[in-house]
Structure formats: C-alpha cells, structure tokens
C-alpha atoms as a PDB file:
ATOM      1  CA  MET A   1     -95.633  36.661  59.105  1.00  0.00           C
ATOM      2  CA  ASN A   2     -94.788  34.723  55.967  1.00  0.00           C
ATOM      3  CA  VAL A   3     -93.673  36.564  52.746  1.00  0.00           C
ATOM      4  CA  ALA A   4     -93.245  34.418  49.621  1.00  0.00           C
ATOM      5  CA  GLU A   5     -92.406  35.474  46.054  1.00  0.00           C
ATOM      6  CA  ARG A   6     -94.541  33.377  43.609  1.00  0.00           C
ATOM      7  CA  ALA A   7     -94.682  32.751  39.922  1.00  0.00           C
ATOM      8  CA  ALA A   8     -94.929  35.776  37.600  1.00  0.00           C
ATOM      9  CA  GLY A   9     -93.305  37.985  40.334  1.00  0.00           C
ATOM     10  CA  LEU A  10     -96.349  37.945  42.712  1.00  0.00           C
ATOM     11  CA  VAL A  11     -95.440  38.567  46.369  1.00  0.00           C
ATOM     12  CA  VAL A  12     -97.871  36.980  48.880  1.00  0.00           C
ATOM     13  CA  THR A  13     -97.805  37.915  52.554  1.00  0.00           C
ATOM     14  CA  GLU A  14     -99.790  35.916  55.130  1.00  0.00           C
ATOM     15  CA  GLY A  15    -100.121  36.150  58.889  1.00  0.00           C
ATOM     16  CA  LEU A  16    -101.148  39.731  58.996  1.00  0.00           C
ATOM     17  CA  PRO A  17    -101.563  42.176  60.602  1.00  0.00           C
ATOM     18  CA  LEU A  18     -98.232  43.118  62.127  1.00  0.00           C
ATOM     19  CA  TYR A  19     -98.603  45.526  65.082  1.00  0.00           C
ATOM     20  CA  GLU A  20     -96.391  48.571  65.291  1.00  0.00           C
ATOM     21  CA  GLU A  21     -96.034  51.254  67.970  1.00  0.00           C
ATOM     22  CA  MET A  22     -96.712  54.719  66.616  1.00  0.00           C
ATOM     23  CA  ASP A  23     -96.330  58.053  68.354  1.00  0.00           C
ATOM     24  CA  GLY A  24     -99.579  59.278  69.752  1.00  0.00           C
ATOM     25  CA  HIS A  25    -101.415  56.049  69.356  1.00  0.00           C
ATOM     26  CA  HIS A  26    -102.787  54.345  72.569  1.00  0.00           C
ATOM     27  CA  VAL A  27    -102.241  50.836  71.290  1.00  0.00           C
ATOM     28  CA  PRO A  28    -100.040  49.280  68.618  1.00  0.00           C
ATOM     29  CA  VAL A  29    -101.370  49.919  65.186  1.00  0.00           C
ATOM     30  CA  PRO A  30    -102.397  46.958  62.956  1.00  0.00           C
ATOM     31  CA  ILE A  31    -100.410  47.081  59.769  1.00  0.00           C
ATOM     32  CA  PHE A  32    -101.583  45.277  56.731  1.00  0.00           C
ATOM     33  CA  LEU A  33     -99.212  46.697  54.015  1.00  0.00           C
ATOM     34  CA  SER A  34     -95.695  48.121  54.427  1.00  0.00           C
ATOM     35  CA  PRO A  35     -92.201  47.773  53.011  1.00  0.00           C
ATOM     36  CA  GLN A  36     -91.787  44.923  55.551  1.00  0.00           C
ATOM     37  CA  THR A  37     -94.930  43.059  54.488  1.00  0.00           C
ATOM     38  CA  LEU A  38     -94.478  43.708  50.789  1.00  0.00           C
ATOM     39  CA  PRO A  39     -90.752  43.868  50.241  1.00  0.00           C
ATOM     40  CA  VAL A  40     -90.588  45.386  46.773  1.00  0.00           C
ATOM     41  CA  PRO A  41     -88.879  48.667  45.902  1.00  0.00           C
ATOM     42  CA  GLN A  42     -92.176  50.273  44.842  1.00  0.00           C
ATOM     43  CA  ALA A  43     -93.843  49.721  48.313  1.00  0.00           C
ATOM     44  CA  SER A  44     -92.966  53.096  49.829  1.00  0.00           C
ATOM     45  CA  PHE A  45     -96.127  53.352  51.858  1.00  0.00           C
ATOM     46  CA  THR A  46     -97.851  51.754  54.838  1.00  0.00           C
ATOM     47  CA  VAL A  47    -101.513  50.826  55.179  1.00  0.00           C
ATOM     48  CA  ALA A  48    -102.999  50.428  58.662  1.00  0.00           C
ATOM     49  CA  ALA A  49    -106.576  49.388  59.136  1.00  0.00           C
ATOM     50  CA  ILE A  50    -108.870  49.661  62.184  1.00  0.00           C
ATOM     51  CA  ASP A  51    -112.545  48.939  62.831  1.00  0.00           C
ATOM     52  CA  ALA A  52    -114.040  52.380  63.349  1.00  0.00           C
ATOM     53  CA  ALA A  53    -117.017  50.675  65.056  1.00  0.00           C
ATOM     54  CA  GLN A  54    -114.655  49.918  67.982  1.00  0.00           C
ATOM     55  CA  LEU A  55    -113.625  53.561  68.414  1.00  0.00           C
ATOM     56  CA  ILE A  56    -116.971  55.362  69.144  1.00  0.00           C
ATOM     57  CA  GLY A  57    -116.380  57.847  71.881  1.00  0.00           C
ATOM     58  CA  ALA A  58    -112.782  56.710  72.503  1.00  0.00           C
ATOM     59  CA  PRO A  59    -110.124  58.232  70.196  1.00  0.00           C
ATOM     60  CA  HIS A  60    -107.436  55.607  69.430  1.00  0.00           C
ATOM     61  CA  ALA A  61    -104.670  58.203  69.356  1.00  0.00           C
ATOM     62  CA  ASP A  62    -103.801  61.564  70.876  1.00  0.00           C
ATOM     63  CA  ALA A  63    -103.167  64.417  68.505  1.00  0.00           C
ATOM     64  CA  HIS A  64     -99.903  63.494  66.688  1.00  0.00           C
ATOM     65  CA  VAL A  65     -97.685  64.305  63.810  1.00  0.00           C
ATOM     66  CA  HIS A  66     -96.035  62.247  61.083  1.00  0.00           C
ATOM     67  CA  PRO A  67     -93.055  64.506  60.280  1.00  0.00           C
ATOM     68  CA  ASP A  68     -91.841  62.588  57.178  1.00  0.00           C
ATOM     69  CA  GLN A  69     -95.076  61.057  55.958  1.00  0.00           C
ATOM     70  CA  ASP A  70     -98.296  62.336  54.381  1.00  0.00           C
ATOM     71  CA  GLU A  71    -101.326  60.383  55.512  1.00  0.00           C
ATOM     72  CA  ILE A  72    -104.582  59.522  53.843  1.00  0.00           C
ATOM     73  CA  TYR A  73    -107.683  58.544  55.817  1.00  0.00           C
ATOM     74  CA  LEU A  74    -109.991  56.346  53.776  1.00  0.00           C
ATOM     75  CA  CYS A  75    -113.379  54.948  54.670  1.00  0.00           C
ATOM     76  CA  VAL A  76    -115.516  53.578  51.943  1.00  0.00           C
ATOM     77  CA  THR A  77    -118.229  52.082  54.175  1.00  0.00           C
ATOM     78  CA  PRO A  78    -121.374  54.317  54.376  1.00  0.00           C
ATOM     79  CA  GLY A  79    -122.641  55.355  57.747  1.00  0.00           C
ATOM     80  CA  LEU A  80    -119.632  56.551  59.609  1.00  0.00           C
ATOM     81  CA  ARG A  81    -119.841  59.959  61.171  1.00  0.00           C
ATOM     82  CA  PHE A  82    -116.360  61.200  62.283  1.00  0.00           C
ATOM     83  CA  GLU A  83    -114.159  64.222  62.740  1.00  0.00           C
ATOM     84  CA  VAL A  84    -110.564  64.947  61.876  1.00  0.00           C
ATOM     85  CA  GLU A  85    -109.046  67.492  64.327  1.00  0.00           C
ATOM     86  CA  THR A  86    -106.030  69.613  63.380  1.00  0.00           C
ATOM     87  CA  ASP A  87    -104.516  72.642  65.109  1.00  0.00           C
ATOM     88  CA  ALA A  88    -106.227  74.813  62.403  1.00  0.00           C
ATOM     89  CA  GLU A  89    -109.654  73.288  62.377  1.00  0.00           C
ATOM     90  CA  THR A  90    -112.040  70.377  63.069  1.00  0.00           C
ATOM     91  CA  ILE A  91    -113.676  68.815  60.003  1.00  0.00           C
ATOM     92  CA  ALA A  92    -116.920  66.898  60.422  1.00  0.00           C
ATOM     93  CA  LEU A  93    -117.346  64.120  57.827  1.00  0.00           C
ATOM     94  CA  ASP A  94    -119.779  61.367  56.767  1.00  0.00           C
ATOM     95  CA  SER A  95    -118.423  58.379  54.917  1.00  0.00           C
ATOM     96  CA  PRO A  96    -117.682  57.396  52.255  1.00  0.00           C
ATOM     97  CA  ALA A  97    -114.899  59.955  52.518  1.00  0.00           C
ATOM     98  CA  SER A  98    -111.173  60.406  52.257  1.00  0.00           C
ATOM     99  CA  VAL A  99    -108.813  63.053  53.896  1.00  0.00           C
ATOM    100  CA  PHE A 100    -105.331  63.911  52.881  1.00  0.00           C
ATOM    101  CA  ILE A 101    -103.153  65.063  55.820  1.00  0.00           C
ATOM    102  CA  PRO A 102     -99.869  66.582  54.844  1.00  0.00           C
ATOM    103  CA  ALA A 103     -96.672  65.641  56.706  1.00  0.00           C
ATOM    104  CA  GLY A 104     -96.057  67.753  59.740  1.00  0.00           C
ATOM    105  CA  VAL A 105     -99.771  68.493  60.467  1.00  0.00           C
ATOM    106  CA  ARG A 106    -100.891  67.539  64.000  1.00  0.00           C
ATOM    107  CA  HIS A 107    -104.142  65.485  63.768  1.00  0.00           C
ATOM    108  CA  ARG A 108    -106.413  62.982  65.213  1.00  0.00           C
ATOM    109  CA  LEU A 109    -109.529  60.969  64.317  1.00  0.00           C
ATOM    110  CA  ILE A 110    -112.636  61.016  66.409  1.00  0.00           C
ATOM    111  CA  VAL A 111    -115.498  58.562  65.677  1.00  0.00           C
ATOM    112  CA  HIS A 112    -119.011  59.706  66.608  1.00  0.00           C
ATOM    113  CA  GLU A 113    -121.296  57.148  64.985  1.00  0.00           C
ATOM    114  CA  VAL A 114    -121.199  53.986  62.932  1.00  0.00           C
ATOM    115  CA  SER A 115    -124.348  52.485  61.366  1.00  0.00           C
ATOM    116  CA  THR A 116    -122.710  49.066  60.635  1.00  0.00           C
ATOM    117  CA  ASP A 117    -121.450  46.269  62.853  1.00  0.00           C
ATOM    118  CA  THR A 118    -117.975  46.737  61.423  1.00  0.00           C
ATOM    119  CA  CYS A 119    -116.449  49.643  59.605  1.00  0.00           C
ATOM    120  CA  PRO A 120    -112.983  49.274  58.098  1.00  0.00           C
ATOM    121  CA  PHE A 121    -110.978  52.526  58.276  1.00  0.00           C
ATOM    122  CA  LEU A 122    -107.641  52.867  56.448  1.00  0.00           C
ATOM    123  CA  GLY A 123    -104.781  55.091  57.379  1.00  0.00           C
ATOM    124  CA  ILE A 124    -102.372  55.197  54.520  1.00  0.00           C
ATOM    125  CA  LEU A 125     -98.894  56.604  55.266  1.00  0.00           C
ATOM    126  CA  LEU A 126     -96.952  57.852  52.177  1.00  0.00           C
ATOM    127  CA  ASP A 127     -93.211  57.744  52.663  1.00  0.00           C
ATOM    128  CA  ALA A 128     -92.021  61.245  51.677  1.00  0.00           C
ATOM    129  CA  ARG A 129     -88.525  59.953  51.384  1.00  0.00           C
ATOM    130  CA  ALA A 130     -89.515  57.773  48.460  1.00  0.00           C
ATOM    131  CA  GLU A 131     -90.901  60.904  46.744  1.00  0.00           C
ATOM    132  CA  ASP A 132     -87.573  62.698  47.441  1.00  0.00           C
ATOM    133  CA  ARG A 133     -85.757  59.763  45.833  1.00  0.00           C
ATOM    134  CA  THR A 134     -87.994  60.020  42.778  1.00  0.00           C
ATOM    135  CA  ASP A 135     -87.394  63.733  42.466  1.00  0.00           C
ATOM    136  CA  ALA A 136     -83.630  63.239  42.802  1.00  0.00           C
ATOM    137  CA  GLN A 137     -83.751  60.555  40.081  1.00  0.00           C
ATOM    138  CA  ASP A 138     -85.763  62.755  37.826  1.00  0.00           C
ATOM    139  CA  GLY A 139     -83.238  65.590  38.319  1.00  0.00           C
ATOM    140  CA  ALA A 140     -80.373  63.315  37.436  1.00  0.00           C
ATOM    141  CA  GLU A 141     -81.721  62.439  34.010  1.00  0.00           C
END
C-alpha cells in the first residue's frame, strides 16, 4: 500500500485493498478505506467491499458482533436479494438498500440471488470511539 499526501491536502492511497481478519468472518475482509489507508483525523470509519455475486448460498461470516462499532450495509446495484439475520429477526431485502446495524447487535448477511455478474456490497464500520471523542469535545466547550 502506498499513501501519499498531494497538493491542496489531497491524500491518495494506492495498492488496495488491505485484508484484515475480523471476528466471525471466514476469510480476511478486503478493506478499501480506514484510518490506515486514509490517515487523516476525520477518518474514523472503515469501508470493506465484497462482491455479493460470489456469496450466493455461502455466507461469508458467521453471526458476529462489532461491540464498539455501528455498521452500515450498502448495496446500490439493483438485483440483489439478501437477508440480514439478527437474534431478534431476519429481514429480507432487495437492492438498492441500506441497513444500519447498531454496535453490539449480532448479525450476518446471507445472499440469495444476484442478477448481475458482479455486485459490489459495502460494509461501513463507524468507529463509536470517534463519536465519544466528539461528544467529549462538545461538552468541554
């Protein structure tokens, strides 16, 4: 991976993705954006991307929890039929769709059908600690 700061403050990262082991996931997760790939103070989130067309009938993760991070599932490509399982319910969805999963909620993604050859699916992890820092800063003013 190569990270370079450019003119006008732009930060460019090449050589992506990075692969990171995550609890519950069967294989390392491809990370495209994180504090490591975009080392600026505002980058308090991580974006992983998978091809949902490669997941039909084979969940890429067991049910798992992100104790300190909210997660957003985002698929803007039409033609994906999937479910999000939690301990409380199973939600059937058709894309385009997004799902917000609060920190501490056990979940997993199950892909049933994709009508395209490739189907980018984003998992966006929001660092709750960054929110806590913002709240603490607001309280100090």
